[in-house]
Structures are given as structure tokens and as C-alpha cells.
Amino acid sequence: MSLTPLKNLVRALLTRIDSVALRVCERFPYLSNLYYCFSRDFEKEHHAVIVGRSRYYQSVRGASDLGHRYRLRRNTHRLEKGLISRPLRDVFARDYVGETIASFEYLYSNVKERDDLYLWSESVLRSYFTAVKPDIDKGIDELRGRFAKIAVEPSCDAEPRAPYLRDQAPLRTTVDDLLELAKRRRSVRWYEPRQVPREAIDQAVVVAGYSPSACNRQPFEFRVFDDPALIAQLADVPMGTRGFSHQFPVFIVIVGKLHAYPFARDRHVIYIDASLAAMALEYALEVQGIATCSINWPDVRSREVAMAKLLGLKPDERVVMCISAGYPDTQGLVPYSQKKPLDELRSYNRMANG
């Protein structure tokens, strides 16, 4: 006797019970936490957020430069926002400039190479201490002295790394050009069997790196694979790639890093920032003749575990999405994918009572 009818009956009964529970929790929001006590749906996300916060706090206490770098990126950006405010306040950033100097001092003492982050922070801190005049705040004056002991005056030909006036020269790219690019870029699943130059990929990553990022932390990494043997291990882990993953010339896994944040409230920023960068990456590849396909990454525990094992991800590192790339097969079809019309995508001044 087949067990299929019985399995279907049990599945239907569980779905019915779940539907009733959802309606109850919908009416009484405080029951939502109770509902998920009996579910593992958010287990990995909860653990990833906790591990990320823990790693952040451990590192800013001196365990490594990781947390200091993320804190310095965030706070330097906050200082820049203060420096461009109108009107410019006599004193600002009292509550975080101290920890900014502490992280700057840590990098000065523990990192040999003065990299772009260090030089940017040094330039912005110099502008900050110029903007906030001496003898206004004793605490800031003390920090000014600590900064002066380790800061190096820039050479006259050094690239400016503090707030500046934006270039107003007209761009050669028009909105029509962008629309043409957006229409040309399709999700291409069939590729020519030829290698994609790493230089082209790197150029696209540089473009993606200029995408907006919350407090400029850029908490993500493009894990690029162009070795067919490695791609064969990775490309079938996401759902929806079966049948065409065997011919990916390039496979990219975008990994978000929750150790960039001390607060749980920022847990979604890895997805926002990485997605903004991913779109720029795909456009930058497209203009070089390299097609891409965005590959969804649903939160499926078994696949999360499999990908984390293959990539050696830490518990706070989460896959955001994957991308395949390569020179398009000229005979390969692409889905038409009708997009929503303008009126369904946009509204103006629409409020709750409008």
C-alpha cells in the first residue's frame, strides 16, 4: 500500500494548523516570538547576528584590527557628514570622535602599511580638528593632541581624501544610454566556452566598489571562481541552476559579513549594500561584453550549510546571492521577462490617508 495519500493528508493537516496559527499571530503580534520558538526558519540568522556582534566587540577590544577597521570606516564617514552640514556647527561628534581616535591609533600601532582607509581617516580627522577650533572643548583638545602625535602632514601632490566640491561637468552618459544598457542586460544562462579575463572582472568589481554603502562600511566580498573544477562543486548549491550550471565560465558568490556591526538593527544592511554593488557589477560586466545571470539564494538550511562548508565561511558570514558570468552564446535564448509598467513601480507623495 502506498504511503503517498497518508503523507499528503498529514501535510494538508499541518498546513491547515499552520494557517490557523498564522492568523492568530497576525492579530496578536507578541505571539510571533512564540510561534518561531517552534520553527528553525530564523535559527541561522539569529545565530549569525549574535556571532557577528560578538566578533565585532572582541575585535575592537584589541583582538584584531577587524572591528577597528569597520568602526573607523563608519565613524570617518560620520565625521564627513558633520563636515558638510549646513550650518557647520562649532562642535560636533563629541560622542564618537574618541573611539575614532582610538581605532586610528590602533591601526597606527599595529598595521605596517598606511592603506587607503588609514589615509582617508587621517585626512578627515585633520579636517575635523581644523573645523572644531581649539579651546572650545577640553575633551576634543586632548584628542587633538593625541592625533597630532601620530598624524603626518600630506605632501602637496597628495590626493585629497576629505569632503570636496563635486565635479559639475556634464557627463557623456545620458539617461537614454542607461536605459539601453538596462534593456540589453538580461539574465543569460548560456555561455561560450571561453575564459573571461580576470582584468575585466576586476574592473567591474572596482565599479561595484563605488556603489553606496551605509556609513561606507561595505560589509561584503565578491568570491569569484573561474576554475571549472571549483565551479562544478559550487554552481549546483543554489536552487534553480540545474540544467545549465555545467557551463558557467565564472561563478560569483557574494558574501555578507555581519561582524561589521555592533547592533542587531543593522542585520539587513549586508543585503542592501551587497545588492547595490551587485547591480553595478553586472552593468560593468555587460558593457565589456560579458553577460550575467543573478542567481537567487533562498534561506534553506541545508544549502546554507553546504555553501558555508565549501567556502569556509564563519558563522556570521552569510551568502547574499550568486552570479554566473561569461561571454554569451549568440544562439542561446533569454526569457522576455516582462517588467512592471511605470505606474506600478512609482507613486508620488502617497501617504497613509492618500
Foldseek 3Di string as FASTA:
>chain_A
DDCVVVVVVVVVVVVVVVVVVVVVCVVPVVCPVVVCVPPCLCVLVVQLLVVLLVLLVVVLVPPHLVNLLLLLLLVLLVLLVQVPDPPRDLDDPPPPVVSNLVSLVSCLPPPDDCDPSNVLSLLSVVVSPVSNDPPPDPVVVVSVVSSVVRRDDDDPPDDRNGDDDDDPDDDPDDVVNVVVLVLPAFAFLAADQDADDVVLLVVLLVQLLPFDANSSSLQKDKDKDQDLVLQVLPVPLAPDNPPRSNRFRMKIWIKGASNSDNDPVCSCRSLVSSVRSVVSSQSSSVVVQKHKHKGQHDSDPVSQVSVCVSVVNDSNMGTNTMMTMHRHDPPGDGDPPDDDDPVVVDDPPDDPVD
